[in-house]
């Protein structure tokens, strides 16, 4: 009786080992197409998230930018780090 149980476990172990080896060989043989598929999916995900925002809506060169406003000047910082002196 114990011999039958051991035989069933051995056969199941062989089947699992064969399945693991077969899937490893399948991945190894198809690795180039798998990598290309993942690359194309990643590129589509990145370009799809941009939403076509690069299609001519970006300013090109200085004519599209506003002229600097010289009337506003930066405040002159006082000496020190803002710590009161005694």
PDB file of N, CA and C in Angstrom:
ATOM      1  N   UNK A   1       0.821  -1.192   0.000  1.00  0.00           N
ATOM      2  CA  UNK A   1       0.000   0.000   0.000  1.00  0.00           C
ATOM      3  C   UNK A   1       0.867   1.259   0.000  1.00  0.00           C
ATOM      4  N   UNK A   2       1.903   1.273   0.829  1.00  0.00           N
ATOM      5  CA  UNK A   2       2.795   2.430   0.908  1.00  0.00           C
ATOM      6  C   UNK A   2       3.547   2.595  -0.409  1.00  0.00           C
ATOM      7  N   UNK A   3       3.880   1.480  -1.047  1.00  0.00           N
ATOM      8  CA  UNK A   3       4.594   1.535  -2.323  1.00  0.00           C
ATOM      9  C   UNK A   3       3.758   2.241  -3.395  1.00  0.00           C
ATOM     10  N   UNK A   4       2.445   2.033  -3.402  1.00  0.00           N
ATOM     11  CA  UNK A   4       1.568   2.690  -4.370  1.00  0.00           C
ATOM     12  C   UNK A   4       1.546   4.198  -4.148  1.00  0.00           C
ATOM     13  N   UNK A   5       1.514   4.618  -2.884  1.00  0.00           N
ATOM     14  CA  UNK A   5       1.501   6.050  -2.563  1.00  0.00           C
ATOM     15  C   UNK A   5       2.815   6.692  -3.010  1.00  0.00           C
ATOM     16  N   UNK A   6       3.922   6.020  -2.754  1.00  0.00           N
ATOM     17  CA  UNK A   6       5.229   6.534  -3.159  1.00  0.00           C
ATOM     18  C   UNK A   6       5.316   6.623  -4.680  1.00  0.00           C
ATOM     19  N   UNK A   7       4.777   5.652  -5.384  1.00  0.00           N
ATOM     20  CA  UNK A   7       4.795   5.671  -6.849  1.00  0.00           C
ATOM     21  C   UNK A   7       3.963   6.836  -7.398  1.00  0.00           C
ATOM     22  N   UNK A   8       2.810   7.105  -6.799  1.00  0.00           N
ATOM     23  CA  UNK A   8       1.963   8.213  -7.242  1.00  0.00           C
ATOM     24  C   UNK A   8       2.678   9.544  -7.005  1.00  0.00           C
ATOM     25  N   UNK A   9       3.324   9.676  -5.856  1.00  0.00           N
ATOM     26  CA  UNK A   9       4.067  10.910  -5.557  1.00  0.00           C
ATOM     27  C   UNK A   9       5.235  11.070  -6.529  1.00  0.00           C
ATOM     28  N   UNK A  10       5.901   9.997  -6.865  1.00  0.00           N
ATOM     29  CA  UNK A  10       7.026  10.056  -7.799  1.00  0.00           C
ATOM     30  C   UNK A  10       6.560  10.458  -9.189  1.00  0.00           C
ATOM     31  N   UNK A  11       5.443   9.903  -9.625  1.00  0.00           N
ATOM     32  CA  UNK A  11       4.911  10.256 -10.948  1.00  0.00           C
ATOM     33  C   UNK A  11       4.478  11.720 -10.969  1.00  0.00           C
ATOM     34  N   UNK A  12       3.810  12.172  -9.904  1.00  0.00           N
ATOM     35  CA  UNK A  12       3.395  13.575  -9.831  1.00  0.00           C
ATOM     36  C   UNK A  12       4.612  14.493  -9.835  1.00  0.00           C
ATOM     37  N   UNK A  13       5.649  14.106  -9.131  1.00  0.00           N
ATOM     38  CA  UNK A  13       6.874  14.896  -9.103  1.00  0.00           C
ATOM     39  C   UNK A  13       7.507  14.963 -10.497  1.00  0.00           C
ATOM     40  N   UNK A  14       7.506  13.880 -11.198  1.00  0.00           N
ATOM     41  CA  UNK A  14       8.037  13.862 -12.566  1.00  0.00           C
ATOM     42  C   UNK A  14       7.247  14.754 -13.498  1.00  0.00           C
ATOM     43  N   UNK A  15       5.922  14.720 -13.363  1.00  0.00           N
ATOM     44  CA  UNK A  15       5.069  15.564 -14.209  1.00  0.00           C
ATOM     45  C   UNK A  15       5.346  17.042 -13.929  1.00  0.00           C
ATOM     46  N   UNK A  16       5.459  17.406 -12.650  1.00  0.00           N
ATOM     47  CA  UNK A  16       5.726  18.799 -12.287  1.00  0.00           C
ATOM     48  C   UNK A  16       7.099  19.219 -12.797  1.00  0.00           C
ATOM     49  N   UNK A  17       8.090  18.368 -12.641  1.00  0.00           N
ATOM     50  CA  UNK A  17       9.433  18.694 -13.126  1.00  0.00           C
ATOM     51  C   UNK A  17       9.452  18.870 -14.638  1.00  0.00           C
ATOM     52  N   UNK A  18       8.744  18.014 -15.350  1.00  0.00           N
ATOM     53  CA  UNK A  18       8.669  18.133 -16.806  1.00  0.00           C
ATOM     54  C   UNK A  18       7.982  19.429 -17.216  1.00  0.00           C
ATOM     55  N   UNK A  19       6.925  19.810 -16.503  1.00  0.00           N
ATOM     56  CA  UNK A  19       6.217  21.049 -16.819  1.00  0.00           C
ATOM     57  C   UNK A  19       7.105  22.274 -16.581  1.00  0.00           C
ATOM     58  N   UNK A  20       7.866  22.261 -15.505  1.00  0.00           N
ATOM     59  CA  UNK A  20       8.770  23.376 -15.210  1.00  0.00           C
ATOM     60  C   UNK A  20       9.851  23.482 -16.278  1.00  0.00           C
ATOM     61  N   UNK A  21      10.426  22.368 -16.664  1.00  0.00           N
ATOM     62  CA  UNK A  21      11.469  22.378 -17.692  1.00  0.00           C
ATOM     63  C   UNK A  21      10.895  22.824 -19.030  1.00  0.00           C
ATOM     64  N   UNK A  22       9.714  22.339 -19.384  1.00  0.00           N
ATOM     65  CA  UNK A  22       9.097  22.712 -20.658  1.00  0.00           C
ATOM     66  C   UNK A  22       8.780  24.207 -20.702  1.00  0.00           C
ATOM     67  N   UNK A  23       8.281  24.770 -19.595  1.00  0.00           N
ATOM     68  CA  UNK A  23       7.978  26.200 -19.595  1.00  0.00           C
ATOM     69  C   UNK A  23       9.260  27.024 -19.645  1.00  0.00           C
ATOM     70  N   UNK A  24      10.321  26.569 -18.999  1.00  0.00           N
ATOM     71  CA  UNK A  24      11.609  27.262 -19.078  1.00  0.00           C
ATOM     72  C   UNK A  24      12.159  27.264 -20.487  1.00  0.00           C
ATOM     73  N   UNK A  25      12.062  26.143 -21.178  1.00  0.00           N
ATOM     74  CA  UNK A  25      12.526  26.060 -22.567  1.00  0.00           C
ATOM     75  C   UNK A  25      11.676  26.954 -23.464  1.00  0.00           C
ATOM     76  N   UNK A  26      10.373  26.973 -23.231  1.00  0.00           N
ATOM     77  CA  UNK A  26       9.475  27.815 -24.021  1.00  0.00           C
ATOM     78  C   UNK A  26       9.824  29.289 -23.859  1.00  0.00           C
ATOM     79  N   UNK A  27      10.075  29.732 -22.650  1.00  0.00           N
ATOM     80  CA  UNK A  27      10.451  31.125 -22.404  1.00  0.00           C
ATOM     81  C   UNK A  27      11.807  31.420 -23.035  1.00  0.00           C
ATOM     82  N   UNK A  28      12.751  30.493 -22.927  1.00  0.00           N
ATOM     83  CA  UNK A  28      14.080  30.708 -23.502  1.00  0.00           C
ATOM     84  C   UNK A  28      14.013  30.826 -25.023  1.00  0.00           C
ATOM     85  N   UNK A  29      13.216  29.977 -25.649  1.00  0.00           N
ATOM     86  CA  UNK A  29      13.112  29.997 -27.108  1.00  0.00           C
ATOM     87  C   UNK A  29      12.415  31.274 -27.580  1.00  0.00           C
ATOM     88  N   UNK A  30      11.416  31.741 -26.862  1.00  0.00           N
ATOM     89  CA  UNK A  30      10.626  32.905 -27.276  1.00  0.00           C
ATOM     90  C   UNK A  30      11.062  34.194 -26.585  1.00  0.00           C
ATOM     91  N   UNK A  31      12.254  34.238 -26.023  1.00  0.00           N
ATOM     92  CA  UNK A  31      12.669  35.396 -25.226  1.00  0.00           C
ATOM     93  C   UNK A  31      12.741  36.676 -26.053  1.00  0.00           C
ATOM     94  N   UNK A  32      13.141  36.600 -27.310  1.00  0.00           N
ATOM     95  CA  UNK A  32      13.234  37.804 -28.137  1.00  0.00           C
ATOM     96  C   UNK A  32      11.859  38.414 -28.389  1.00  0.00           C
ATOM     97  N   UNK A  33      10.888  37.581 -28.712  1.00  0.00           N
ATOM     98  CA  UNK A  33       9.553  38.114 -28.959  1.00  0.00           C
ATOM     99  C   UNK A  33       8.911  38.612 -27.661  1.00  0.00           C
ATOM    100  N   UNK A  34       9.232  37.990 -26.544  1.00  0.00           N
ATOM    101  CA  UNK A  34       8.695  38.436 -25.253  1.00  0.00           C
ATOM    102  C   UNK A  34       9.270  39.808 -24.905  1.00  0.00           C
ATOM    103  N   UNK A  35      10.577  39.994 -25.107  1.00  0.00           N
ATOM    104  CA  UNK A  35      11.220  41.277 -24.819  1.00  0.00           C
ATOM    105  C   UNK A  35      10.669  42.363 -25.739  1.00  0.00           C
ATOM    106  N   UNK A  36      10.510  42.067 -27.021  1.00  0.00           N
ATOM    107  CA  UNK A  36       9.962  43.052 -27.960  1.00  0.00           C
ATOM    108  C   UNK A  36       8.539  43.438 -27.586  1.00  0.00           C
ATOM    109  N   UNK A  37       7.756  42.478 -27.152  1.00  0.00           N
ATOM    110  CA  UNK A  37       6.382  42.753 -26.741  1.00  0.00           C
ATOM    111  C   UNK A  37       6.339  43.661 -25.518  1.00  0.00           C
ATOM    112  N   UNK A  38       7.200  43.382 -24.558  1.00  0.00           N
ATOM    113  CA  UNK A  38       7.244  44.205 -23.345  1.00  0.00           C
ATOM    114  C   UNK A  38       7.721  45.615 -23.679  1.00  0.00           C
ATOM    115  N   UNK A  39       8.714  45.739 -24.562  1.00  0.00           N
ATOM    116  CA  UNK A  39       9.202  47.059 -24.968  1.00  0.00           C
ATOM    117  C   UNK A  39       8.093  47.870 -25.632  1.00  0.00           C
ATOM    118  N   UNK A  40       7.368  47.251 -26.548  1.00  0.00           N
ATOM    119  CA  UNK A  40       6.311  47.986 -27.252  1.00  0.00           C
ATOM    120  C   UNK A  40       5.188  48.377 -26.299  1.00  0.00           C
ATOM    121  N   UNK A  41       4.851  47.518 -25.351  1.00  0.00           N
ATOM    122  CA  UNK A  41       3.830  47.867 -24.367  1.00  0.00           C
ATOM    123  C   UNK A  41       4.286  49.014 -23.488  1.00  0.00           C
ATOM    124  N   UNK A  42       5.565  49.034 -23.108  1.00  0.00           N
ATOM    125  CA  UNK A  42       6.087  50.117 -22.277  1.00  0.00           C
ATOM    126  C   UNK A  42       6.093  51.428 -23.048  1.00  0.00           C
ATOM    127  N   UNK A  43       6.489  51.394 -24.309  1.00  0.00           N
ATOM    128  CA  UNK A  43       6.507  52.612 -25.116  1.00  0.00           C
ATOM    129  C   UNK A  43       5.099  53.137 -25.316  1.00  0.00           C
ATOM    130  N   UNK A  44       4.138  52.254 -25.570  1.00  0.00           N
ATOM    131  CA  UNK A  44       2.741  52.683 -25.726  1.00  0.00           C
ATOM    132  C   UNK A  44       2.203  53.275 -24.436  1.00  0.00           C
ATOM    133  N   UNK A  45       2.589  52.701 -23.294  1.00  0.00           N
ATOM    134  CA  UNK A  45       2.115  53.225 -22.015  1.00  0.00           C
ATOM    135  C   UNK A  45       2.678  54.612 -21.755  1.00  0.00           C
ATOM    136  N   UNK A  46       3.951  54.817 -22.094  1.00  0.00           N
ATOM    137  CA  UNK A  46       4.568  56.125 -21.862  1.00  0.00           C
ATOM    138  C   UNK A  46       4.005  57.162 -22.818  1.00  0.00           C
ATOM    139  N   UNK A  47       3.922  56.838 -24.099  1.00  0.00           N
ATOM    140  CA  UNK A  47       3.409  57.814 -25.062  1.00  0.00           C
ATOM    141  C   UNK A  47       1.918  58.034 -24.892  1.00  0.00           C
ATOM    142  N   UNK A  48       1.198  57.038 -24.439  1.00  0.00           N
ATOM    143  CA  UNK A  48      -0.231  57.207 -24.204  1.00  0.00           C
ATOM    144  C   UNK A  48      -0.506  58.100 -23.017  1.00  0.00           C
ATOM    145  N   UNK A  49       0.373  58.085 -22.021  1.00  0.00           N
ATOM    146  CA  UNK A  49       0.168  58.930 -20.846  1.00  0.00           C
ATOM    147  C   UNK A  49       0.479  60.386 -21.144  1.00  0.00           C
ATOM    148  N   UNK A  50       1.237  60.661 -22.218  1.00  0.00           N
ATOM    149  CA  UNK A  50       1.518  62.044 -22.580  1.00  0.00           C
ATOM    150  C   UNK A  50       0.285  62.725 -23.154  1.00  0.00           C
ATOM    151  N   UNK A  51      -0.599  61.962 -23.727  1.00  0.00           N
ATOM    152  CA  UNK A  51      -1.852  62.508 -24.230  1.00  0.00           C
ATOM    153  C   UNK A  51      -1.689  63.408 -25.431  1.00  0.00           C
ATOM    154  N   UNK A  52      -0.653  63.232 -26.209  1.00  0.00           N
ATOM    155  CA  UNK A  52      -0.454  64.061 -27.389  1.00  0.00           C
ATOM    156  C   UNK A  52      -0.040  65.475 -27.044  1.00  0.00           C
ATOM    157  N   UNK A  53       0.456  65.714 -25.869  1.00  0.00           N
ATOM    158  CA  UNK A  53       0.843  67.047 -25.451  1.00  0.00           C
ATOM    159  C   UNK A  53       2.062  67.572 -26.172  1.00  0.00           C
ATOM    160  N   UNK A  54       2.778  66.742 -26.885  1.00  0.00           N
ATOM    161  CA  UNK A  54       3.965  67.195 -27.592  1.00  0.00           C
ATOM    162  C   UNK A  54       3.652  67.597 -29.020  1.00  0.00           C
ATOM    163  N   UNK A  55       2.421  67.580 -29.411  1.00  0.00           N
ATOM    164  CA  UNK A  55       2.039  67.865 -30.787  1.00  0.00           C
ATOM    165  C   UNK A  55       1.873  69.337 -31.086  1.00  0.00           C
ATOM    166  N   UNK A  56       2.901  70.135 -30.997  1.00  0.00           N
ATOM    167  CA  UNK A  56       2.847  71.521 -31.412  1.00  0.00           C
ATOM    168  C   UNK A  56       2.396  72.478 -30.329  1.00  0.00           C
ATOM    169  N   UNK A  57       2.143  72.035 -29.150  1.00  0.00           N
ATOM    170  CA  UNK A  57       1.680  72.942 -28.113  1.00  0.00           C
ATOM    171  C   UNK A  57       2.822  73.533 -27.305  1.00  0.00           C
ATOM    172  N   UNK A  58       4.046  73.134 -27.596  1.00  0.00           N
ATOM    173  CA  UNK A  58       5.183  73.657 -26.854  1.00  0.00           C
ATOM    174  C   UNK A  58       5.687  74.936 -27.508  1.00  0.00           C
ATOM    175  N   UNK A  59       6.100  75.926 -26.724  1.00  0.00           N
ATOM    176  CA  UNK A  59       6.672  77.129 -27.321  1.00  0.00           C
ATOM    177  C   UNK A  59       8.036  76.817 -27.917  1.00  0.00           C
ATOM    178  N   UNK A  60       8.297  77.430 -29.053  1.00  0.00           N
ATOM    179  CA  UNK A  60       9.563  77.182 -29.733  1.00  0.00           C
ATOM    180  C   UNK A  60      10.298  78.508 -29.852  1.00  0.00           C
ATOM    181  N   UNK A  61      11.425  78.625 -29.192  1.00  0.00           N
ATOM    182  CA  UNK A  61      12.258  79.804 -29.320  1.00  0.00           C
ATOM    183  C   UNK A  61      11.764  80.982 -28.508  1.00  0.00           C
ATOM    184  N   UNK A  62      12.499  82.095 -28.594  1.00  0.00           N
ATOM    185  CA  UNK A  62      12.214  83.285 -27.810  1.00  0.00           C
ATOM    186  C   UNK A  62      10.962  84.042 -28.243  1.00  0.00           C
ATOM    187  N   UNK A  63      10.533  84.054 -29.505  1.00  0.00           N
ATOM    188  CA  UNK A  63       9.348  84.841 -29.863  1.00  0.00           C
ATOM    189  C   UNK A  63       8.078  84.412 -29.128  1.00  0.00           C
ATOM    190  N   UNK A  64       7.996  83.158 -28.719  1.00  0.00           N
ATOM    191  CA  UNK A  64       6.800  82.697 -28.020  1.00  0.00           C
ATOM    192  C   UNK A  64       6.825  83.036 -26.539  1.00  0.00           C
ATOM    193  N   UNK A  65       7.973  83.450 -26.033  1.00  0.00           N
ATOM    194  CA  UNK A  65       8.100  83.721 -24.602  1.00  0.00           C
ATOM    195  C   UNK A  65       7.789  85.185 -24.326  1.00  0.00           C
ATOM    196  N   UNK A  66       7.291  85.461 -23.147  1.00  0.00           N
ATOM    197  CA  UNK A  66       6.977  86.832 -22.770  1.00  0.00           C
ATOM    198  C   UNK A  66       8.258  87.616 -22.544  1.00  0.00           C
ATOM    199  N   UNK A  67       8.192  88.918 -22.810  1.00  0.00           N
ATOM    200  CA  UNK A  67       9.342  89.786 -22.595  1.00  0.00           C
ATOM    201  C   UNK A  67       9.556  89.967 -21.098  1.00  0.00           C
ATOM    202  N   UNK A  68      10.796  90.093 -20.663  1.00  0.00           N
ATOM    203  CA  UNK A  68      11.038  90.268 -19.225  1.00  0.00           C
ATOM    204  C   UNK A  68      10.527  91.620 -18.745  1.00  0.00           C
ATOM    205  N   UNK A  69      10.005  91.644 -17.542  1.00  0.00           N
ATOM    206  CA  UNK A  69       9.482  92.860 -16.936  1.00  0.00           C
ATOM    207  C   UNK A  69      10.570  93.448 -16.039  1.00  0.00           C
ATOM    208  N   UNK A  70      11.143  94.564 -16.450  1.00  0.00           N
ATOM    209  CA  UNK A  70      12.242  95.172 -15.700  1.00  0.00           C
ATOM    210  C   UNK A  70      11.765  95.977 -14.501  1.00  0.00           C
ATOM    211  N   UNK A  71      10.465  96.261 -14.414  1.00  0.00           N
ATOM    212  CA  UNK A  71       9.977  97.079 -13.305  1.00  0.00           C
ATOM    213  C   UNK A  71      10.002  96.318 -11.981  1.00  0.00           C
ATOM    214  N   UNK A  72       9.892  95.027 -12.035  1.00  0.00           N
ATOM    215  CA  UNK A  72       9.918  94.239 -10.802  1.00  0.00           C
ATOM    216  C   UNK A  72      11.355  93.826 -10.519  1.00  0.00           C
ATOM    217  N   UNK A  73      11.839  94.200  -9.349  1.00  0.00           N
ATOM    218  CA  UNK A  73      13.187  93.825  -8.964  1.00  0.00           C
ATOM    219  C   UNK A  73      13.117  92.930  -7.743  1.00  0.00           C
ATOM    220  N   UNK A  74      14.097  92.128  -7.588  1.00  0.00           N
ATOM    221  CA  UNK A  74      14.146  91.238  -6.435  1.00  0.00           C
ATOM    222  C   UNK A  74      14.469  92.053  -5.187  1.00  0.00           C
ATOM    223  N   UNK A  75      13.854  91.721  -4.056  1.00  0.00           N
ATOM    224  CA  UNK A  75      14.169  92.463  -2.830  1.00  0.00           C
ATOM    225  C   UNK A  75      15.603  92.201  -2.392  1.00  0.00           C
ATOM    226  N   UNK A  76      16.231  93.217  -1.868  1.00  0.00           N
ATOM    227  CA  UNK A  76      17.609  93.100  -1.405  1.00  0.00           C
ATOM    228  C   UNK A  76      17.580  92.443  -0.035  1.00  0.00           C
ATOM    229  N   UNK A  77      18.273  91.317   0.114  1.00  0.00           N
ATOM    230  CA  UNK A  77      18.243  90.647   1.405  1.00  0.00           C
ATOM    231  C   UNK A  77      19.022  91.445   2.452  1.00  0.00           C
ATOM    232  N   UNK A  78      18.520  91.405   3.663  1.00  0.00           N
ATOM    233  CA  UNK A  78      19.227  92.075   4.742  1.00  0.00           C
ATOM    234  C   UNK A  78      20.405  91.229   5.191  1.00  0.00           C
ATOM    235  N   UNK A  79      21.306  91.850   5.900  1.00  0.00           N
ATOM    236  CA  UNK A  79      22.476  91.122   6.353  1.00  0.00           C
ATOM    237  C   UNK A  79      22.061  90.072   7.385  1.00  0.00           C
ATOM    238  N   UNK A  80      22.673  88.956   7.360  1.00  0.00           N
ATOM    239  CA  UNK A  80      22.376  87.905   8.325  1.00  0.00           C
ATOM    240  C   UNK A  80      21.356  86.922   7.802  1.00  0.00           C
ATOM    241  N   UNK A  81      20.917  86.071   8.674  1.00  0.00           N
ATOM    242  CA  UNK A  81      19.974  85.018   8.302  1.00  0.00           C
ATOM    243  C   UNK A  81      18.595  85.256   8.903  1.00  0.00           C
ATOM    244  N   UNK A  82      18.271  86.478   9.186  1.00  0.00           N
ATOM    245  CA  UNK A  82      16.974  86.749   9.760  1.00  0.00           C
ATOM    246  C   UNK A  82      16.938  86.587  11.272  1.00  0.00           C
ATOM    247  N   UNK A  83      18.097  86.416  11.880  1.00  0.00           N
ATOM    248  CA  UNK A  83      18.182  86.259  13.326  1.00  0.00           C
ATOM    249  C   UNK A  83      18.329  87.647  13.922  1.00  0.00           C
ATOM    250  N   UNK A  84      17.496  88.028  14.856  1.00  0.00           N
ATOM    251  CA  UNK A  84      17.606  89.389  15.420  1.00  0.00           C
ATOM    252  C   UNK A  84      18.919  89.558  16.163  1.00  0.00           C
ATOM    253  N   UNK A  85      19.466  90.770  16.048  1.00  0.00           N
ATOM    254  CA  UNK A  85      20.707  91.082  16.757  1.00  0.00           C
ATOM    255  C   UNK A  85      20.372  91.823  18.048  1.00  0.00           C
ATOM    256  N   UNK A  86      21.131  91.667  19.062  1.00  0.00           N
ATOM    257  CA  UNK A  86      20.884  92.296  20.353  1.00  0.00           C
ATOM    258  C   UNK A  86      21.872  93.393  20.619  1.00  0.00           C
TER     259      UNK A  86
END
